[in-house]
C-alpha atoms as a PDB file:
ATOM      1  CA  MET A   1     -31.206-113.206-176.483  1.00  0.00           C
ATOM      2  CA  LYS A   2     -30.501-116.512-174.675  1.00  0.00           C
ATOM      3  CA  VAL A   3     -30.109-114.716-171.330  1.00  0.00           C
ATOM      4  CA  PHE A   4     -33.495-112.996-171.778  1.00  0.00           C
ATOM      5  CA  SER A   5     -35.149-116.368-172.592  1.00  0.00           C
ATOM      6  CA  LYS A   6     -33.704-117.968-169.466  1.00  0.00           C
ATOM      7  CA  ILE A   7     -34.817-115.065-167.282  1.00  0.00           C
ATOM      8  CA  LEU A   8     -38.314-115.215-168.776  1.00  0.00           C
ATOM      9  CA  LEU A   9     -38.512-118.980-168.176  1.00  0.00           C
ATOM     10  CA  ILE A  10     -37.390-118.579-164.550  1.00  0.00           C
ATOM     11  CA  ALA A  11     -39.950-115.798-164.016  1.00  0.00           C
ATOM     12  CA  ILE A  12     -42.756-117.967-165.405  1.00  0.00           C
ATOM     13  CA  VAL A  13     -41.774-120.961-163.247  1.00  0.00           C
ATOM     14  CA  LEU A  14     -41.546-118.811-160.109  1.00  0.00           C
ATOM     15  CA  SER A  15     -44.908-117.186-160.797  1.00  0.00           C
ATOM     16  CA  PHE A  16     -46.583-120.590-161.146  1.00  0.00           C
ATOM     17  CA  THR A  17     -44.950-121.980-158.008  1.00  0.00           C
ATOM     18  CA  SER A  18     -46.040-119.002-155.932  1.00  0.00           C
ATOM     19  CA  CYS A  19     -49.693-119.323-157.026  1.00  0.00           C
ATOM     20  CA  ASN A  20     -52.109-120.648-154.438  1.00  0.00           C
ATOM     21  CA  SER A  21     -54.078-122.618-156.997  1.00  0.00           C
ATOM     22  CA  GLU A  22     -53.488-126.359-157.122  1.00  0.00           C
ATOM     23  CA  ASN A  23     -54.260-126.286-160.860  1.00  0.00           C
ATOM     24  CA  PHE A  24     -50.602-125.794-161.786  1.00  0.00           C
ATOM     25  CA  TYR A  25     -49.453-129.392-161.172  1.00  0.00           C
ATOM     26  CA  ILE A  26     -47.405-129.164-164.353  1.00  0.00           C
ATOM     27  CA  ILE A  27     -44.828-127.371-162.182  1.00  0.00           C
ATOM     28  CA  PRO A  28     -43.166-129.972-159.913  1.00  0.00           C
ATOM     29  CA  PHE A  29     -42.452-127.608-156.985  1.00  0.00           C
ATOM     30  CA  LYS A  30     -44.396-125.189-154.830  1.00  0.00           C
ATOM     31  CA  ARG A  31     -43.331-122.714-152.142  1.00  0.00           C
ATOM     32  CA  TYR A  32     -45.006-122.807-148.706  1.00  0.00           C
ATOM     33  CA  ILE A  33     -44.861-120.613-145.631  1.00  0.00           C
ATOM     34  CA  VAL A  34     -45.309-122.201-142.198  1.00  0.00           C
ATOM     35  CA  PRO A  35     -48.465-120.567-140.801  1.00  0.00           C
ATOM     36  CA  GLN A  36     -48.193-121.472-137.100  1.00  0.00           C
ATOM     37  CA  ASN A  37     -45.836-122.894-134.457  1.00  0.00           C
ATOM     38  CA  GLY A  38     -46.669-126.623-134.710  1.00  0.00           C
ATOM     39  CA  MET A  39     -43.328-127.364-136.393  1.00  0.00           C
ATOM     40  CA  TYR A  40     -41.228-125.210-134.031  1.00  0.00           C
ATOM     41  CA  PRO A  41     -38.255-125.451-133.389  1.00  0.00           C
ATOM     42  CA  SER A  42     -37.369-127.069-136.737  1.00  0.00           C
ATOM     43  CA  MET A  43     -39.526-124.665-138.734  1.00  0.00           C
ATOM     44  CA  PRO A  44     -40.670-121.580-136.806  1.00  0.00           C
ATOM     45  CA  PRO A  45     -43.746-119.662-138.001  1.00  0.00           C
ATOM     46  CA  LYS A  46     -43.196-117.792-141.284  1.00  0.00           C
ATOM     47  CA  SER A  47     -40.419-120.185-142.374  1.00  0.00           C
ATOM     48  CA  THR A  48     -40.415-120.673-146.137  1.00  0.00           C
ATOM     49  CA  PHE A  49     -39.716-123.999-147.804  1.00  0.00           C
ATOM     50  CA  TRP A  50     -40.217-125.793-151.115  1.00  0.00           C
ATOM     51  CA  VAL A  51     -42.339-128.880-151.666  1.00  0.00           C
ATOM     52  CA  LYS A  52     -42.019-131.484-154.372  1.00  0.00           C
ATOM     53  CA  ARG A  53     -45.616-132.026-155.474  1.00  0.00           C
ATOM     54  CA  LYS A  54     -47.415-135.344-155.091  1.00  0.00           C
ATOM     55  CA  LEU A  55     -47.746-135.875-158.831  1.00  0.00           C
ATOM     56  CA  PHE A  56     -43.961-136.362-158.845  1.00  0.00           C
ATOM     57  CA  ILE A  57     -43.677-138.715-155.821  1.00  0.00           C
ATOM     58  CA  LYS A  58     -44.921-142.175-154.873  1.00  0.00           C
ATOM     59  CA  LEU A  59     -46.147-143.470-151.522  1.00  0.00           C
ATOM     60  CA  GLU A  60     -42.888-145.362-150.986  1.00  0.00           C
ATOM     61  CA  ASN A  61     -40.884-142.136-151.533  1.00  0.00           C
ATOM     62  CA  ILE A  62     -42.213-140.746-148.234  1.00  0.00           C
ATOM     63  CA  LEU A  63     -39.995-141.852-145.351  1.00  0.00           C
ATOM     64  CA  ARG A  64     -40.062-141.553-141.576  1.00  0.00           C
ATOM     65  CA  GLY A  65     -38.676-138.159-140.613  1.00  0.00           C
ATOM     66  CA  ASP A  66     -39.829-136.439-143.812  1.00  0.00           C
ATOM     67  CA  ILE A  67     -41.978-133.324-143.603  1.00  0.00           C
ATOM     68  CA  ILE A  68     -45.108-133.408-145.747  1.00  0.00           C
ATOM     69  CA  VAL A  69     -47.847-130.967-146.660  1.00  0.00           C
ATOM     70  CA  PHE A  70     -51.353-132.414-146.798  1.00  0.00           C
ATOM     71  CA  TYR A  71     -54.915-131.176-146.809  1.00  0.00           C
ATOM     72  CA  HIS A  72     -57.567-131.878-144.204  1.00  0.00           C
ATOM     73  CA  LYS A  73     -61.247-131.056-144.492  1.00  0.00           C
ATOM     74  CA  GLU A  74     -62.836-129.620-141.371  1.00  0.00           C
ATOM     75  CA  ASN A  75     -66.263-127.928-141.083  1.00  0.00           C
ATOM     76  CA  ASP A  76     -66.624-127.859-144.890  1.00  0.00           C
ATOM     77  CA  MET A  77     -63.318-125.970-145.183  1.00  0.00           C
ATOM     78  CA  ILE A  78     -60.083-127.370-146.591  1.00  0.00           C
ATOM     79  CA  TYR A  79     -56.852-126.562-144.757  1.00  0.00           C
ATOM     80  CA  ASP A  80     -53.227-127.349-145.560  1.00  0.00           C
ATOM     81  CA  PHE A  81     -51.122-128.779-142.718  1.00  0.00           C
ATOM     82  CA  ILE A  82     -47.382-129.338-142.356  1.00  0.00           C
ATOM     83  CA  TRP A  83     -46.224-132.203-140.103  1.00  0.00           C
ATOM     84  CA  ARG A  84     -43.396-134.714-139.769  1.00  0.00           C
ATOM     85  CA  VAL A  85     -43.882-138.359-140.810  1.00  0.00           C
ATOM     86  CA  ILE A  86     -43.395-140.624-137.799  1.00  0.00           C
ATOM     87  CA  GLY A  87     -45.146-143.798-138.955  1.00  0.00           C
ATOM     88  CA  ILE A  88     -45.465-145.205-142.466  1.00  0.00           C
ATOM     89  CA  PRO A  89     -47.950-147.912-143.583  1.00  0.00           C
ATOM     90  CA  GLY A  90     -47.657-151.016-141.397  1.00  0.00           C
ATOM     91  CA  ASP A  91     -45.647-149.359-138.601  1.00  0.00           C
ATOM     92  CA  LYS A  92     -46.547-149.902-134.964  1.00  0.00           C
ATOM     93  CA  VAL A  93     -46.427-146.528-133.174  1.00  0.00           C
ATOM     94  CA  ARG A  94     -46.471-146.297-129.390  1.00  0.00           C
ATOM     95  CA  ILE A  95     -46.388-143.034-127.458  1.00  0.00           C
ATOM     96  CA  GLU A  96     -45.864-142.869-123.704  1.00  0.00           C
ATOM     97  CA  GLY A  97     -45.444-139.327-122.390  1.00  0.00           C
ATOM     98  CA  THR A  98     -42.479-137.882-124.301  1.00  0.00           C
ATOM     99  CA  SER A  99     -41.276-141.297-125.515  1.00  0.00           C
ATOM    100  CA  VAL A 100     -42.119-142.323-129.090  1.00  0.00           C
ATOM    101  CA  TYR A 101     -41.547-145.898-130.259  1.00  0.00           C
ATOM    102  CA  ILE A 102     -41.646-147.063-133.865  1.00  0.00           C
ATOM    103  CA  ASN A 103     -41.851-150.847-134.247  1.00  0.00           C
ATOM    104  CA  ASN A 104     -40.682-151.117-130.606  1.00  0.00           C
ATOM    105  CA  GLN A 105     -37.616-148.921-131.245  1.00  0.00           C
ATOM    106  CA  LEU A 106     -37.378-145.755-129.158  1.00  0.00           C
ATOM    107  CA  LEU A 107     -36.783-142.499-131.023  1.00  0.00           C
ATOM    108  CA  LYS A 108     -33.961-141.283-128.816  1.00  0.00           C
ATOM    109  CA  HIS A 109     -33.750-137.635-127.931  1.00  0.00           C
ATOM    110  CA  ASN A 110     -31.079-135.652-126.122  1.00  0.00           C
ATOM    111  CA  GLN A 111     -31.723-132.312-124.489  1.00  0.00           C
ATOM    112  CA  LYS A 112     -30.213-129.425-126.444  1.00  0.00           C
ATOM    113  CA  GLU A 113     -31.544-126.305-124.705  1.00  0.00           C
ATOM    114  CA  GLU A 114     -34.261-124.813-122.543  1.00  0.00           C
ATOM    115  CA  THR A 115     -36.464-121.797-123.022  1.00  0.00           C
ATOM    116  CA  ALA A 116     -38.668-120.222-120.373  1.00  0.00           C
ATOM    117  CA  ASP A 117     -41.535-122.600-121.221  1.00  0.00           C
ATOM    118  CA  GLN A 118     -40.046-125.516-123.174  1.00  0.00           C
ATOM    119  CA  ILE A 119     -37.288-128.086-123.324  1.00  0.00           C
ATOM    120  CA  ILE A 120     -35.826-128.632-126.793  1.00  0.00           C
ATOM    121  CA  PHE A 121     -34.418-132.020-127.766  1.00  0.00           C
ATOM    122  CA  LEU A 122     -32.488-133.392-130.727  1.00  0.00           C
ATOM    123  CA  GLU A 123     -34.541-136.420-131.752  1.00  0.00           C
ATOM    124  CA  LYS A 124     -32.759-139.154-133.668  1.00  0.00           C
ATOM    125  CA  GLY A 125     -35.136-140.455-136.324  1.00  0.00           C
ATOM    126  CA  PHE A 126     -34.571-143.383-138.656  1.00  0.00           C
ATOM    127  CA  ASN A 127     -33.131-141.379-141.550  1.00  0.00           C
ATOM    128  CA  THR A 128     -32.725-137.896-140.088  1.00  0.00           C
ATOM    129  CA  ASP A 129     -32.193-135.956-136.872  1.00  0.00           C
ATOM    130  CA  TYR A 130     -34.390-132.971-136.017  1.00  0.00           C
ATOM    131  CA  LEU A 131     -35.355-130.731-133.114  1.00  0.00           C
ATOM    132  CA  VAL A 132     -38.533-131.237-131.070  1.00  0.00           C
ATOM    133  CA  ALA A 133     -39.960-129.191-128.211  1.00  0.00           C
ATOM    134  CA  TYR A 134     -41.979-130.250-125.159  1.00  0.00           C
ATOM    135  CA  ASP A 135     -43.655-127.896-122.695  1.00  0.00           C
ATOM    136  CA  LYS A 136     -42.141-127.850-119.202  1.00  0.00           C
ATOM    137  CA  GLU A 137     -45.646-127.876-117.730  1.00  0.00           C
ATOM    138  CA  PRO A 138     -47.979-129.531-120.273  1.00  0.00           C
ATOM    139  CA  LYS A 139     -51.744-129.488-119.956  1.00  0.00           C
ATOM    140  CA  SER A 140     -53.224-132.924-119.287  1.00  0.00           C
ATOM    141  CA  THR A 141     -54.925-132.873-122.722  1.00  0.00           C
ATOM    142  CA  GLN A 142     -51.669-132.229-124.619  1.00  0.00           C
ATOM    143  CA  ARG A 143     -49.974-135.605-124.081  1.00  0.00           C
ATOM    144  CA  ILE A 144     -51.855-138.669-125.222  1.00  0.00           C
ATOM    145  CA  ASP A 145     -50.503-142.174-124.725  1.00  0.00           C
ATOM    146  CA  MET A 146     -51.371-144.509-127.594  1.00  0.00           C
ATOM    147  CA  ASP A 147     -50.453-147.793-129.227  1.00  0.00           C
ATOM    148  CA  ILE A 148     -51.573-148.061-132.878  1.00  0.00           C
ATOM    149  CA  ILE A 149     -50.713-149.629-136.227  1.00  0.00           C
ATOM    150  CA  VAL A 150     -50.594-147.357-139.282  1.00  0.00           C
ATOM    151  CA  PRO A 151     -53.055-148.604-141.936  1.00  0.00           C
ATOM    152  CA  SER A 152     -52.177-149.235-145.556  1.00  0.00           C
ATOM    153  CA  GLU A 153     -51.657-146.060-147.638  1.00  0.00           C
ATOM    154  CA  HIS A 154     -51.744-143.838-144.519  1.00  0.00           C
ATOM    155  CA  PHE A 155     -49.221-141.971-142.370  1.00  0.00           C
ATOM    156  CA  PHE A 156     -48.965-141.097-138.693  1.00  0.00           C
ATOM    157  CA  LEU A 157     -47.694-137.528-138.319  1.00  0.00           C
ATOM    158  CA  LEU A 158     -46.447-135.436-135.396  1.00  0.00           C
ATOM    159  CA  GLY A 159     -45.616-131.771-135.118  1.00  0.00           C
ATOM    160  CA  ASP A 160     -42.141-130.975-133.800  1.00  0.00           C
ATOM    161  CA  ASN A 161     -43.725-128.726-131.156  1.00  0.00           C
ATOM    162  CA  ARG A 162     -45.105-131.883-129.585  1.00  0.00           C
ATOM    163  CA  ASP A 163     -47.328-130.370-126.899  1.00  0.00           C
ATOM    164  CA  ASN A 164     -48.706-127.681-129.220  1.00  0.00           C
ATOM    165  CA  ALA A 165     -49.584-129.509-132.438  1.00  0.00           C
ATOM    166  CA  MET A 166     -52.992-130.847-133.467  1.00  0.00           C
ATOM    167  CA  ASP A 167     -51.450-133.762-135.356  1.00  0.00           C
ATOM    168  CA  SER A 168     -52.302-137.447-135.888  1.00  0.00           C
ATOM    169  CA  ARG A 169     -52.740-137.959-132.150  1.00  0.00           C
ATOM    170  CA  PHE A 170     -55.829-135.758-132.381  1.00  0.00           C
ATOM    171  CA  LYS A 171     -56.851-135.812-136.072  1.00  0.00           C
ATOM    172  CA  GLY A 172     -56.022-139.425-136.971  1.00  0.00           C
ATOM    173  CA  PHE A 173     -54.039-140.986-139.777  1.00  0.00           C
ATOM    174  CA  VAL A 174     -53.411-139.061-142.991  1.00  0.00           C
ATOM    175  CA  PRO A 175     -54.170-140.936-146.228  1.00  0.00           C
ATOM    176  CA  PHE A 176     -51.687-140.719-149.076  1.00  0.00           C
ATOM    177  CA  SER A 177     -54.547-139.361-151.188  1.00  0.00           C
ATOM    178  CA  ASN A 178     -54.490-136.171-149.037  1.00  0.00           C
ATOM    179  CA  VAL A 179     -50.746-135.585-149.451  1.00  0.00           C
ATOM    180  CA  ILE A 180     -49.929-132.443-151.441  1.00  0.00           C
ATOM    181  CA  GLY A 181     -46.168-132.874-151.424  1.00  0.00           C
ATOM    182  CA  ILE A 182     -42.949-133.531-149.558  1.00  0.00           C
ATOM    183  CA  LYS A 183     -40.473-130.947-148.259  1.00  0.00           C
ATOM    184  CA  MET A 184     -37.347-130.743-150.361  1.00  0.00           C
END
């Protein structure tokens, strides 16, 4: 009987976590599928991952290098996005071409491989290392130089597919209030 109860409990938890409704915040985790290539090469399209929901995290739990899911309203529609945290509240972020500086410290990256169209680097973040991709021949609108300070209770996010991600360089800072959860 105990085995049946455990199986039933697991089935209920999994059914709630696979629901698309945000009404099931009682369950601390939710499964997501990466819809596009903005997080390539770290998370190619159709990658599956689990998120610890916002109700169970605090602003200070989100660190540079973490991957978060957040919502963004555009044309009266709400969309979920998945990007990497580069700047936390109070950080100075400077981008010059493929160089990213956080509080005047360069995020170093070493070339790992090349594809027909991209160069893939291992970027050394503050608390984690991850892969990023840059196009060999980027369009002039893909790379934006900037020098900003992240406001209180906001994040500056970048996609790992740096020349093919509509991230904070284009959409602005993401408020903590829009965060859905953090990748586990």
